[in-house]
Amino acid sequence: MGSPELLHSATGIELIKSLNYVLARGGNPSPWRAELVDAIAGPAHLTTLTEALPDWARKVAQRYTNQITASIALAPAGVVFGYQQIEAMVAGTLFEPLGYNFERRVRYFAKLTRLNVGIAMVADRVPWSNPTRESRKKSGAAARERIAMLDKIARGRQIPTTYTHHDRSTSGEGFTG
């Protein structure tokens, strides 16, 4: 994404330590926190992300958009930061009056994550366990499918997909004009 290799975290643990440092020293929340959460996690965002899905899947996503967001975005973040941080983050947002029990959601997601990691660890040790995934990874099929989905969304919104914003940022040109 345009950052020098030196700034990339070498491991997941290094990334978590880096985020802990940044978040611990970040100061008070922005006065725009609630508006930002609503804009990023609100229904419009998930609706945009589901535009390339079949009609039936899009209808399900639109109907349950807040529950989906709470389950696939906010609960996982709660595993990393703690449910109290998520409750503080959603205070004053469209999620607060919905009364989601983030303590319970985070607890369930943590258990599901442990189970998923355990299964993945076993699957990684068995060479024949996931040949389809490995084949798709080598051929780049999954990446091409994601790019095609984003291109479809962009076409529907008349957004050009000629993203070049970060092309010159590693040399410093992007900051100096």
C-alpha atoms as a PDB file:
ATOM      1  CA  MET A   1       0.000   0.000   0.000  1.00  0.00           C
ATOM      2  CA  GLY A   2       2.842   2.372  -0.640  1.00  0.00           C
ATOM      3  CA  SER A   3       4.682   2.137   2.667  1.00  0.00           C
ATOM      4  CA  PRO A   4       8.365   1.235   2.796  1.00  0.00           C
ATOM      5  CA  GLU A   5       9.198  -2.366   3.662  1.00  0.00           C
ATOM      6  CA  LEU A   6      10.860  -1.162   6.873  1.00  0.00           C
ATOM      7  CA  LEU A   7       7.441  -0.092   8.223  1.00  0.00           C
ATOM      8  CA  HIS A   8       5.791  -3.473   7.596  1.00  0.00           C
ATOM      9  CA  SER A   9       5.344  -5.710  10.649  1.00  0.00           C
ATOM     10  CA  ALA A  10       7.342  -8.924  10.275  1.00  0.00           C
ATOM     11  CA  THR A  11       4.845 -11.026  12.255  1.00  0.00           C
ATOM     12  CA  GLY A  12       1.327 -10.833  13.619  1.00  0.00           C
ATOM     13  CA  ILE A  13       2.704 -10.479  17.156  1.00  0.00           C
ATOM     14  CA  GLU A  14       4.825  -7.513  16.065  1.00  0.00           C
ATOM     15  CA  LEU A  15       1.741  -5.924  14.475  1.00  0.00           C
ATOM     16  CA  ILE A  16      -0.297  -6.384  17.674  1.00  0.00           C
ATOM     17  CA  LYS A  17       2.527  -4.876  19.774  1.00  0.00           C
ATOM     18  CA  SER A  18       2.753  -1.942  17.374  1.00  0.00           C
ATOM     19  CA  LEU A  19      -1.008  -1.356  17.504  1.00  0.00           C
ATOM     20  CA  ASN A  20      -0.987  -1.630  21.310  1.00  0.00           C
ATOM     21  CA  TYR A  21       1.699   1.063  21.427  1.00  0.00           C
ATOM     22  CA  VAL A  22      -0.137   3.384  19.030  1.00  0.00           C
ATOM     23  CA  LEU A  23      -3.547   2.889  20.650  1.00  0.00           C
ATOM     24  CA  ALA A  24      -2.229   3.276  24.200  1.00  0.00           C
ATOM     25  CA  ARG A  25      -0.695   6.640  23.312  1.00  0.00           C
ATOM     26  CA  GLY A  26      -3.411   7.893  20.993  1.00  0.00           C
ATOM     27  CA  GLY A  27      -5.019  10.290  23.434  1.00  0.00           C
ATOM     28  CA  ASN A  28      -8.714  10.825  23.912  1.00  0.00           C
ATOM     29  CA  PRO A  29     -11.259   9.659  21.355  1.00  0.00           C
ATOM     30  CA  SER A  30     -12.065  11.996  18.517  1.00  0.00           C
ATOM     31  CA  PRO A  31     -15.167  14.138  19.013  1.00  0.00           C
ATOM     32  CA  TRP A  32     -16.257  12.640  15.669  1.00  0.00           C
ATOM     33  CA  ARG A  33     -15.961   9.027  16.897  1.00  0.00           C
ATOM     34  CA  ALA A  34     -19.697   8.240  16.762  1.00  0.00           C
ATOM     35  CA  GLU A  35     -20.104   9.725  13.283  1.00  0.00           C
ATOM     36  CA  LEU A  36     -17.046   7.839  12.078  1.00  0.00           C
ATOM     37  CA  VAL A  37     -18.297   4.514  13.479  1.00  0.00           C
ATOM     38  CA  ASP A  38     -21.708   5.063  11.881  1.00  0.00           C
ATOM     39  CA  ALA A  39     -20.086   5.907   8.538  1.00  0.00           C
ATOM     40  CA  ILE A  40     -17.675   2.971   8.542  1.00  0.00           C
ATOM     41  CA  ALA A  41     -19.791   0.292  10.183  1.00  0.00           C
ATOM     42  CA  GLY A  42     -23.253   1.517   9.235  1.00  0.00           C
ATOM     43  CA  PRO A  43     -25.609  -0.167   6.783  1.00  0.00           C
ATOM     44  CA  ALA A  44     -24.444   1.841   3.750  1.00  0.00           C
ATOM     45  CA  HIS A  45     -20.973   0.293   3.962  1.00  0.00           C
ATOM     46  CA  LEU A  46     -22.205  -3.317   4.014  1.00  0.00           C
ATOM     47  CA  THR A  47     -24.739  -2.556   1.286  1.00  0.00           C
ATOM     48  CA  THR A  48     -21.907  -1.313  -0.940  1.00  0.00           C
ATOM     49  CA  LEU A  49     -19.809  -4.392  -0.204  1.00  0.00           C
ATOM     50  CA  THR A  50     -22.679  -6.720  -1.132  1.00  0.00           C
ATOM     51  CA  GLU A  51     -23.643  -5.106  -4.449  1.00  0.00           C
ATOM     52  CA  ALA A  52     -21.859  -7.806  -6.442  1.00  0.00           C
ATOM     53  CA  LEU A  53     -23.664 -10.662  -4.677  1.00  0.00           C
ATOM     54  CA  PRO A  54     -26.724 -12.473  -6.069  1.00  0.00           C
ATOM     55  CA  ASP A  55     -30.076 -10.841  -5.239  1.00  0.00           C
ATOM     56  CA  TRP A  56     -31.042 -13.336  -2.505  1.00  0.00           C
ATOM     57  CA  ALA A  57     -27.714 -12.884  -0.676  1.00  0.00           C
ATOM     58  CA  ARG A  58     -27.904  -9.102  -1.006  1.00  0.00           C
ATOM     59  CA  LYS A  59     -31.424  -9.096   0.495  1.00  0.00           C
ATOM     60  CA  VAL A  60     -30.275 -11.172   3.474  1.00  0.00           C
ATOM     61  CA  ALA A  61     -27.297  -8.871   4.014  1.00  0.00           C
ATOM     62  CA  GLN A  62     -29.478  -5.756   3.815  1.00  0.00           C
ATOM     63  CA  ARG A  63     -32.004  -7.161   6.270  1.00  0.00           C
ATOM     64  CA  TYR A  64     -29.440  -8.207   8.851  1.00  0.00           C
ATOM     65  CA  THR A  65     -26.715  -5.651   8.136  1.00  0.00           C
ATOM     66  CA  ASN A  66     -26.248  -4.423  11.714  1.00  0.00           C
ATOM     67  CA  GLN A  67     -26.132  -7.945  13.170  1.00  0.00           C
ATOM     68  CA  ILE A  68     -23.646  -8.984  10.461  1.00  0.00           C
ATOM     69  CA  THR A  69     -21.425  -5.978  11.181  1.00  0.00           C
ATOM     70  CA  ALA A  70     -21.590  -6.575  14.934  1.00  0.00           C
ATOM     71  CA  SER A  71     -20.663 -10.225  14.414  1.00  0.00           C
ATOM     72  CA  ILE A  72     -17.949 -10.017  11.743  1.00  0.00           C
ATOM     73  CA  ALA A  73     -16.345  -6.659  12.535  1.00  0.00           C
ATOM     74  CA  LEU A  74     -17.059  -5.505  16.069  1.00  0.00           C
ATOM     75  CA  ALA A  75     -16.895  -8.873  17.877  1.00  0.00           C
ATOM     76  CA  PRO A  76     -13.514  -9.816  16.343  1.00  0.00           C
ATOM     77  CA  ALA A  77     -12.164  -6.382  17.275  1.00  0.00           C
ATOM     78  CA  GLY A  78     -13.426  -7.050  20.797  1.00  0.00           C
ATOM     79  CA  VAL A  79     -11.298 -10.188  20.993  1.00  0.00           C
ATOM     80  CA  VAL A  80      -8.217  -8.032  20.401  1.00  0.00           C
ATOM     81  CA  PHE A  81      -9.180  -4.892  22.352  1.00  0.00           C
ATOM     82  CA  GLY A  82     -11.721  -6.210  24.883  1.00  0.00           C
ATOM     83  CA  TYR A  83     -15.490  -5.885  24.845  1.00  0.00           C
ATOM     84  CA  GLN A  84     -15.324  -2.751  27.003  1.00  0.00           C
ATOM     85  CA  GLN A  85     -13.517  -0.927  24.192  1.00  0.00           C
ATOM     86  CA  ILE A  86     -16.189  -1.976  21.701  1.00  0.00           C
ATOM     87  CA  GLU A  87     -18.964  -0.826  24.033  1.00  0.00           C
ATOM     88  CA  ALA A  88     -17.166   2.518  24.418  1.00  0.00           C
ATOM     89  CA  MET A  89     -16.672   2.745  20.656  1.00  0.00           C
ATOM     90  CA  VAL A  90     -20.366   2.181  19.839  1.00  0.00           C
ATOM     91  CA  ALA A  91     -21.664   4.571  22.531  1.00  0.00           C
ATOM     92  CA  GLY A  92     -23.759   7.213  20.785  1.00  0.00           C
ATOM     93  CA  THR A  93     -23.783   5.335  17.464  1.00  0.00           C
ATOM     94  CA  LEU A  94     -26.580   3.526  15.664  1.00  0.00           C
ATOM     95  CA  PHE A  95     -25.412   0.310  17.394  1.00  0.00           C
ATOM     96  CA  GLU A  96     -25.937   1.510  20.976  1.00  0.00           C
ATOM     97  CA  PRO A  97     -29.769   1.498  20.984  1.00  0.00           C
ATOM     98  CA  LEU A  98     -29.771  -1.983  19.419  1.00  0.00           C
ATOM     99  CA  GLY A  99     -28.592  -3.347  22.775  1.00  0.00           C
ATOM    100  CA  TYR A 100     -26.113  -5.910  21.482  1.00  0.00           C
ATOM    101  CA  ASN A 101     -24.389  -7.828  24.242  1.00  0.00           C
ATOM    102  CA  PHE A 102     -20.794  -7.343  23.108  1.00  0.00           C
ATOM    103  CA  GLU A 103     -19.400  -9.175  26.129  1.00  0.00           C
ATOM    104  CA  ARG A 104     -21.244 -12.321  25.009  1.00  0.00           C
ATOM    105  CA  ARG A 105     -20.504 -11.802  21.294  1.00  0.00           C
ATOM    106  CA  VAL A 106     -16.791 -11.351  21.992  1.00  0.00           C
ATOM    107  CA  ARG A 107     -16.713 -14.414  24.270  1.00  0.00           C
ATOM    108  CA  TYR A 108     -18.392 -16.573  21.593  1.00  0.00           C
ATOM    109  CA  PHE A 109     -16.169 -15.217  18.843  1.00  0.00           C
ATOM    110  CA  ALA A 110     -13.041 -15.925  20.920  1.00  0.00           C
ATOM    111  CA  LYS A 111     -14.168 -19.552  21.361  1.00  0.00           C
ATOM    112  CA  LEU A 112     -14.965 -19.852  17.655  1.00  0.00           C
ATOM    113  CA  THR A 113     -11.558 -18.372  16.809  1.00  0.00           C
ATOM    114  CA  ARG A 114      -9.747 -20.877  19.047  1.00  0.00           C
ATOM    115  CA  LEU A 115     -11.646 -23.735  17.397  1.00  0.00           C
ATOM    116  CA  ASN A 116     -10.920 -22.386  13.907  1.00  0.00           C
ATOM    117  CA  VAL A 117      -7.213 -21.955  14.679  1.00  0.00           C
ATOM    118  CA  GLY A 118      -7.044 -25.501  16.063  1.00  0.00           C
ATOM    119  CA  ILE A 119      -8.660 -26.921  12.942  1.00  0.00           C
ATOM    120  CA  ALA A 120      -6.375 -24.842  10.708  1.00  0.00           C
ATOM    121  CA  MET A 121      -3.296 -26.046  12.612  1.00  0.00           C
ATOM    122  CA  VAL A 122      -4.297 -29.666  12.044  1.00  0.00           C
ATOM    123  CA  ALA A 123      -5.183 -28.984   8.387  1.00  0.00           C
ATOM    124  CA  ASP A 124      -1.815 -27.304   7.820  1.00  0.00           C
ATOM    125  CA  ARG A 125      -0.016 -30.445   8.946  1.00  0.00           C
ATOM    126  CA  VAL A 126      -1.945 -32.787   6.656  1.00  0.00           C
ATOM    127  CA  PRO A 127      -0.747 -32.380   3.047  1.00  0.00           C
ATOM    128  CA  TRP A 128      -3.942 -33.646   1.421  1.00  0.00           C
ATOM    129  CA  SER A 129      -6.359 -31.635   3.577  1.00  0.00           C
ATOM    130  CA  ASN A 130      -6.922 -28.636   1.358  1.00  0.00           C
ATOM    131  CA  PRO A 131      -5.677 -29.115  -2.209  1.00  0.00           C
ATOM    132  CA  THR A 132      -8.364 -26.828  -3.652  1.00  0.00           C
ATOM    133  CA  ARG A 133      -7.313 -23.895  -1.476  1.00  0.00           C
ATOM    134  CA  GLU A 134      -3.646 -24.426  -2.296  1.00  0.00           C
ATOM    135  CA  SER A 135      -4.390 -24.695  -6.010  1.00  0.00           C
ATOM    136  CA  ARG A 136      -6.473 -21.499  -5.952  1.00  0.00           C
ATOM    137  CA  LYS A 137      -3.739 -19.707  -4.008  1.00  0.00           C
ATOM    138  CA  LYS A 138      -1.066 -20.695  -6.531  1.00  0.00           C
ATOM    139  CA  SER A 139      -3.198 -19.731  -9.524  1.00  0.00           C
ATOM    140  CA  GLY A 140      -4.326 -16.422  -7.985  1.00  0.00           C
ATOM    141  CA  ALA A 141      -8.005 -17.298  -8.562  1.00  0.00           C
ATOM    142  CA  ALA A 142      -9.224 -15.959  -5.210  1.00  0.00           C
ATOM    143  CA  ALA A 143      -7.497 -12.616  -5.718  1.00  0.00           C
ATOM    144  CA  ARG A 144      -8.886 -12.289  -9.259  1.00  0.00           C
ATOM    145  CA  GLU A 145     -12.413 -13.012  -7.954  1.00  0.00           C
ATOM    146  CA  ARG A 146     -12.118 -10.286  -5.317  1.00  0.00           C
ATOM    147  CA  ILE A 147     -10.789  -7.808  -7.860  1.00  0.00           C
ATOM    148  CA  ALA A 148     -13.637  -8.680 -10.251  1.00  0.00           C
ATOM    149  CA  MET A 149     -16.177  -8.099  -7.445  1.00  0.00           C
ATOM    150  CA  LEU A 150     -14.679  -4.686  -6.628  1.00  0.00           C
ATOM    151  CA  ASP A 151     -14.572  -3.785 -10.336  1.00  0.00           C
ATOM    152  CA  LYS A 152     -18.258  -4.680 -10.644  1.00  0.00           C
ATOM    153  CA  ILE A 153     -19.149  -2.460  -7.682  1.00  0.00           C
ATOM    154  CA  ALA A 154     -17.034   0.389  -9.093  1.00  0.00           C
ATOM    155  CA  ARG A 155     -18.672   0.094 -12.545  1.00  0.00           C
ATOM    156  CA  GLY A 156     -22.128   0.219 -10.943  1.00  0.00           C
ATOM    157  CA  ARG A 157     -21.179   3.449  -9.201  1.00  0.00           C
ATOM    158  CA  GLN A 158     -19.285   4.910 -12.198  1.00  0.00           C
ATOM    159  CA  ILE A 159     -16.024   4.966 -10.230  1.00  0.00           C
ATOM    160  CA  PRO A 160     -12.845   4.597 -12.294  1.00  0.00           C
ATOM    161  CA  THR A 161     -10.607   1.779 -11.088  1.00  0.00           C
ATOM    162  CA  THR A 162      -7.348   3.458 -12.019  1.00  0.00           C
ATOM    163  CA  TYR A 163      -6.046   3.686  -8.458  1.00  0.00           C
ATOM    164  CA  THR A 164      -2.632   5.322  -8.500  1.00  0.00           C
ATOM    165  CA  HIS A 165      -2.745   7.377  -5.294  1.00  0.00           C
ATOM    166  CA  HIS A 166       0.167   5.566  -3.618  1.00  0.00           C
ATOM    167  CA  ASP A 167       2.332   5.045  -6.699  1.00  0.00           C
ATOM    168  CA  ARG A 168       4.828   7.759  -5.779  1.00  0.00           C
ATOM    169  CA  SER A 169       4.422   7.931  -1.993  1.00  0.00           C
ATOM    170  CA  THR A 170       7.426   5.784  -1.086  1.00  0.00           C
ATOM    171  CA  SER A 171       9.789   8.276  -2.735  1.00  0.00           C
ATOM    172  CA  GLY A 172       8.245  11.181  -0.845  1.00  0.00           C
ATOM    173  CA  GLU A 173       6.842  12.745  -4.015  1.00  0.00           C
ATOM    174  CA  GLY A 174       3.280  12.253  -2.805  1.00  0.00           C
ATOM    175  CA  PHE A 175       3.926  14.506   0.182  1.00  0.00           C
ATOM    176  CA  THR A 176       5.771  17.255  -1.638  1.00  0.00           C
ATOM    177  CA  GLY A 177       3.477  17.643  -4.608  1.00  0.00           C
END
